[in-house]
Amino acid sequence: MPANDSMARLARLARLAPSEEELARFSTQCDDIINYMNILSEVNTTGAEPVYSPLHQVISRPDEAEAKDLHGAVLGNAPESDGTFFIVPRIV
């Protein structure tokens, strides 16, 4: 079955009515995604533990706070400031 026919069938099952140009674009995008998945499947994952949830990851570095003085850098991006605070138009 040609790619556009597959996309047309998939669109029909999803109750969508894309134009021929959209079907061609979607077909190309799906091919790109599948090709990328094929590239990823070639990666050697021997010894890698599966990750079932991003919430239960082991952090490999210590979580230590760093003292950074970003106040001046942040105020430097402001259109107008008094050196301590942003100056914004009064809205009343």
Protein backbone atom coordinates (compact mmCIF):
# COMPACT_ATOMS: atom_id res chain seq x y z
CA MET A 1 0.00 0.00 0.00
CA PRO A 2 1.54 3.38 -1.01
CA ALA A 3 2.37 5.85 1.76
CA ASN A 4 -0.34 8.36 0.80
CA ASP A 5 -2.93 5.56 0.75
CA SER A 6 -1.84 4.53 4.24
CA MET A 7 -2.09 8.13 5.42
CA ALA A 8 -5.50 8.53 3.79
CA ARG A 9 -6.73 5.37 5.54
CA LEU A 10 -5.32 6.54 8.86
CA ALA A 11 -6.92 9.98 8.41
CA ARG A 12 -10.26 8.34 7.57
CA LEU A 13 -10.07 6.17 10.71
CA ALA A 14 -9.35 9.31 12.75
CA ARG A 15 -12.30 11.03 11.04
CA LEU A 16 -10.04 13.68 9.49
CA ALA A 17 -10.21 15.09 5.99
CA PRO A 18 -6.77 16.43 5.07
CA SER A 19 -6.03 17.74 1.58
CA GLU A 20 -3.74 15.85 -0.81
CA GLU A 21 -0.89 18.24 0.03
CA GLU A 22 -1.39 17.62 3.76
CA LEU A 23 -1.46 13.86 3.20
CA ALA A 24 1.83 14.07 1.32
CA ARG A 25 3.39 16.23 4.06
CA PHE A 26 2.12 13.92 6.84
CA SER A 27 3.43 10.90 4.97
CA THR A 28 6.89 12.49 4.70
CA GLN A 29 6.83 13.46 8.38
CA CYS A 30 5.83 9.93 9.44
CA ASP A 31 8.62 8.49 7.30
CA ASP A 32 11.08 10.87 8.99
CA ILE A 33 9.88 9.79 12.44
CA ILE A 34 10.15 6.09 11.59
CA ASN A 35 13.63 6.60 10.12
CA TYR A 36 14.71 8.40 13.30
CA MET A 37 13.33 5.56 15.43
CA ASN A 38 15.35 3.12 13.30
CA ILE A 39 18.49 5.18 14.01
CA LEU A 40 17.72 5.14 17.73
CA SER A 41 17.20 1.37 17.68
CA GLU A 42 20.83 0.96 16.56
CA VAL A 43 22.19 2.59 19.74
CA ASN A 44 23.98 0.15 22.03
CA THR A 45 22.01 0.15 25.28
CA THR A 46 23.73 -2.84 26.85
CA GLY A 47 23.91 -2.32 30.60
CA ALA A 48 21.60 0.70 30.58
CA GLU A 49 18.81 0.50 33.13
CA PRO A 50 15.35 1.24 31.74
CA VAL A 51 13.71 4.47 32.86
CA TYR A 52 10.04 3.95 33.57
CA SER A 53 9.37 7.41 34.95
CA PRO A 54 11.38 10.64 34.90
CA LEU A 55 10.36 11.18 38.54
CA HIS A 56 12.48 8.31 39.88
CA GLN A 57 15.80 9.10 38.26
CA VAL A 58 19.05 8.85 40.16
CA ILE A 59 20.90 12.15 40.04
CA SER A 60 24.57 11.51 39.35
CA ARG A 61 25.87 14.78 40.77
CA PRO A 62 25.40 16.38 44.17
CA ASP A 63 22.68 18.99 44.31
CA GLU A 64 24.50 21.96 45.75
CA ALA A 65 23.38 25.57 45.73
CA GLU A 66 25.65 28.09 44.02
CA ALA A 67 25.74 31.71 45.05
CA LYS A 68 25.36 33.77 41.91
CA ASP A 69 24.73 37.48 41.75
CA LEU A 70 22.37 37.72 38.80
CA HIS A 71 20.55 40.84 39.97
CA GLY A 72 22.54 43.20 37.77
CA ALA A 73 22.34 40.87 34.77
CA VAL A 74 18.58 40.58 35.09
CA LEU A 75 18.07 44.32 35.51
CA GLY A 76 20.37 44.88 32.54
CA ASN A 77 17.70 43.30 30.32
CA ALA A 78 14.99 45.63 31.56
CA PRO A 79 13.93 48.54 29.34
CA GLU A 80 13.98 50.75 32.43
CA SER A 81 15.10 50.24 36.05
CA ASP A 82 16.19 52.29 39.04
CA GLY A 83 19.13 49.99 39.78
CA THR A 84 17.14 47.87 42.21
CA PHE A 85 13.69 47.37 40.65
CA PHE A 86 12.08 47.27 37.24
CA ILE A 87 10.26 50.46 36.32
CA VAL A 88 6.94 49.75 34.60
CA PRO A 89 4.10 52.00 33.47
CA ARG A 90 1.47 52.70 36.10
CA ILE A 91 -1.81 50.96 35.32
CA VAL A 92 -4.78 52.42 37.15
